[in-house]
Amino acid sequence: MSYTKYGIRPEFVERVKVKMKNPVVKERIKQVVNGLTKYDLQDRTRVRRLVRQASSVLNEPLTEVQEEQIIAFVIGQKIDPNNTLHLLKLWAMFR
């Protein structure tokens, strides 16, 4: 399933990908997502907090609509961070 189906703009994704190539930013994001479980990624409140933290780290201000689109995307993907196949699917989507 593509992120564009959730209304997330490809330009936004490209900006975030460029910022994630910075090793300092990458490490800060890794700290934010460290220890997440599949249950955390299905909890709307927890995902909202993660999106806001990541937005702050990346210095990407989000509108309420963008935030809701990203939350819907994360919940819709049913990501299990301990499942290698899920991680490969995400990696392929954003490479």
C-alpha atoms as a PDB file:
ATOM      1  CA  MET A   1       0.000   0.000   0.000  1.00  0.00           C
ATOM      2  CA  SER A   2       1.413   3.340  -1.015  1.00  0.00           C
ATOM      3  CA  TYR A   3       1.690   6.398   1.196  1.00  0.00           C
ATOM      4  CA  THR A   4       0.165   8.511  -1.579  1.00  0.00           C
ATOM      5  CA  LYS A   5      -3.148   6.710  -1.046  1.00  0.00           C
ATOM      6  CA  TYR A   6      -3.188   8.335   2.399  1.00  0.00           C
ATOM      7  CA  GLY A   7      -2.640  11.793   0.924  1.00  0.00           C
ATOM      8  CA  ILE A   8       1.020  12.052   1.910  1.00  0.00           C
ATOM      9  CA  ARG A   9       2.833  14.078  -0.734  1.00  0.00           C
ATOM     10  CA  PRO A  10       5.923  12.612  -2.440  1.00  0.00           C
ATOM     11  CA  GLU A  11       7.749  15.961  -2.048  1.00  0.00           C
ATOM     12  CA  PHE A  12       7.348  15.715   1.720  1.00  0.00           C
ATOM     13  CA  VAL A  13       8.684  12.140   1.727  1.00  0.00           C
ATOM     14  CA  GLU A  14      11.699  13.174  -0.376  1.00  0.00           C
ATOM     15  CA  ARG A  15      12.518  16.047   2.038  1.00  0.00           C
ATOM     16  CA  VAL A  16      12.354  13.667   4.992  1.00  0.00           C
ATOM     17  CA  LYS A  17      14.544  11.093   3.210  1.00  0.00           C
ATOM     18  CA  VAL A  18      17.207  13.742   2.562  1.00  0.00           C
ATOM     19  CA  LYS A  19      17.122  14.852   6.208  1.00  0.00           C
ATOM     20  CA  MET A  20      17.386  11.239   7.408  1.00  0.00           C
ATOM     21  CA  LYS A  21      20.738  10.909   5.593  1.00  0.00           C
ATOM     22  CA  ASN A  22      22.224  13.228   8.214  1.00  0.00           C
ATOM     23  CA  PRO A  23      23.807  10.839  10.796  1.00  0.00           C
ATOM     24  CA  VAL A  24      22.898  13.087  13.761  1.00  0.00           C
ATOM     25  CA  VAL A  25      19.242  13.271  12.751  1.00  0.00           C
ATOM     26  CA  LYS A  26      19.171   9.542  12.017  1.00  0.00           C
ATOM     27  CA  GLU A  27      20.474   8.728  15.508  1.00  0.00           C
ATOM     28  CA  ARG A  28      17.914  11.017  17.147  1.00  0.00           C
ATOM     29  CA  ILE A  29      15.087   9.339  15.207  1.00  0.00           C
ATOM     30  CA  LYS A  30      16.447   5.917  16.187  1.00  0.00           C
ATOM     31  CA  GLN A  31      16.229   6.981  19.835  1.00  0.00           C
ATOM     32  CA  VAL A  32      12.604   8.059  19.343  1.00  0.00           C
ATOM     33  CA  VAL A  33      11.568   4.707  17.827  1.00  0.00           C
ATOM     34  CA  ASN A  34      13.772   2.474  19.994  1.00  0.00           C
ATOM     35  CA  GLY A  35      11.793  -0.198  21.805  1.00  0.00           C
ATOM     36  CA  LEU A  36       8.522   0.212  19.906  1.00  0.00           C
ATOM     37  CA  THR A  37       6.161  -2.739  19.638  1.00  0.00           C
ATOM     38  CA  LYS A  38       3.468  -3.541  17.108  1.00  0.00           C
ATOM     39  CA  TYR A  39       0.917  -2.588  19.776  1.00  0.00           C
ATOM     40  CA  ASP A  40       2.497   0.863  20.148  1.00  0.00           C
ATOM     41  CA  LEU A  41       2.141   1.375  16.398  1.00  0.00           C
ATOM     42  CA  GLN A  42      -1.575   0.550  16.525  1.00  0.00           C
ATOM     43  CA  ASP A  43      -2.300   3.006  19.359  1.00  0.00           C
ATOM     44  CA  ARG A  44      -3.437   6.324  17.858  1.00  0.00           C
ATOM     45  CA  THR A  45      -2.274   8.357  20.877  1.00  0.00           C
ATOM     46  CA  ARG A  46       1.168   6.782  20.897  1.00  0.00           C
ATOM     47  CA  VAL A  47       1.559   7.190  17.117  1.00  0.00           C
ATOM     48  CA  ARG A  48       0.510  10.856  17.366  1.00  0.00           C
ATOM     49  CA  ARG A  49       3.218  11.422  19.978  1.00  0.00           C
ATOM     50  CA  LEU A  50       5.811   9.642  17.798  1.00  0.00           C
ATOM     51  CA  VAL A  51       4.845  11.689  14.740  1.00  0.00           C
ATOM     52  CA  ARG A  52       5.168  14.917  16.710  1.00  0.00           C
ATOM     53  CA  GLN A  53       8.542  13.903  18.140  1.00  0.00           C
ATOM     54  CA  ALA A  54       9.853  12.904  14.710  1.00  0.00           C
ATOM     55  CA  SER A  55       8.510  16.132  13.218  1.00  0.00           C
ATOM     56  CA  SER A  56      10.396  18.090  15.845  1.00  0.00           C
ATOM     57  CA  VAL A  57      13.647  16.166  15.288  1.00  0.00           C
ATOM     58  CA  LEU A  58      13.371  16.608  11.521  1.00  0.00           C
ATOM     59  CA  ASN A  59      12.370  20.260  11.852  1.00  0.00           C
ATOM     60  CA  GLU A  60       9.337  19.568   9.624  1.00  0.00           C
ATOM     61  CA  PRO A  61       6.292  21.463  10.885  1.00  0.00           C
ATOM     62  CA  LEU A  62       3.119  19.494  10.155  1.00  0.00           C
ATOM     63  CA  THR A  63      -0.409  20.743   9.696  1.00  0.00           C
ATOM     64  CA  GLU A  64      -3.187  18.917  11.532  1.00  0.00           C
ATOM     65  CA  VAL A  65      -4.238  17.306   8.241  1.00  0.00           C
ATOM     66  CA  GLN A  66      -0.697  16.078   7.473  1.00  0.00           C
ATOM     67  CA  GLU A  67      -0.377  14.705  10.982  1.00  0.00           C
ATOM     68  CA  GLU A  68      -3.659  12.785  10.647  1.00  0.00           C
ATOM     69  CA  GLN A  69      -2.587  11.410   7.241  1.00  0.00           C
ATOM     70  CA  ILE A  70       0.691  10.116   8.665  1.00  0.00           C
ATOM     71  CA  ILE A  71      -1.070   8.598  11.689  1.00  0.00           C
ATOM     72  CA  ALA A  72      -3.599   6.858   9.421  1.00  0.00           C
ATOM     73  CA  PHE A  73      -0.739   5.554   7.259  1.00  0.00           C
ATOM     74  CA  VAL A  74       1.216   4.125  10.201  1.00  0.00           C
ATOM     75  CA  ILE A  75      -1.847   2.459  11.708  1.00  0.00           C
ATOM     76  CA  GLY A  76      -2.981   1.189   8.292  1.00  0.00           C
ATOM     77  CA  GLN A  77       0.333  -0.549   7.634  1.00  0.00           C
ATOM     78  CA  LYS A  78       0.021  -2.746  10.761  1.00  0.00           C
ATOM     79  CA  ILE A  79       3.781  -2.591  11.222  1.00  0.00           C
ATOM     80  CA  ASP A  80       5.527  -5.068  13.503  1.00  0.00           C
ATOM     81  CA  PRO A  81       9.017  -3.654  14.156  1.00  0.00           C
ATOM     82  CA  ASN A  82      10.256  -7.141  15.089  1.00  0.00           C
ATOM     83  CA  ASN A  83       9.138  -8.674  11.785  1.00  0.00           C
ATOM     84  CA  THR A  84      11.839  -8.446   9.139  1.00  0.00           C
ATOM     85  CA  LEU A  85       9.327  -8.817   6.301  1.00  0.00           C
ATOM     86  CA  HIS A  86       7.373  -5.780   7.528  1.00  0.00           C
ATOM     87  CA  LEU A  87      10.559  -3.735   7.706  1.00  0.00           C
ATOM     88  CA  LEU A  88      11.625  -4.817   4.208  1.00  0.00           C
ATOM     89  CA  LYS A  89       8.202  -3.840   2.859  1.00  0.00           C
ATOM     90  CA  LEU A  90       8.563  -0.367   4.357  1.00  0.00           C
ATOM     91  CA  TRP A  91      12.126  -0.027   3.154  1.00  0.00           C
ATOM     92  CA  ALA A  92      11.031  -0.913  -0.400  1.00  0.00           C
ATOM     93  CA  MET A  93       8.217   1.623  -0.226  1.00  0.00           C
ATOM     94  CA  PHE A  94      10.538   4.493   0.728  1.00  0.00           C
ATOM     95  CA  ARG A  95      13.776   3.692  -1.098  1.00  0.00           C
END
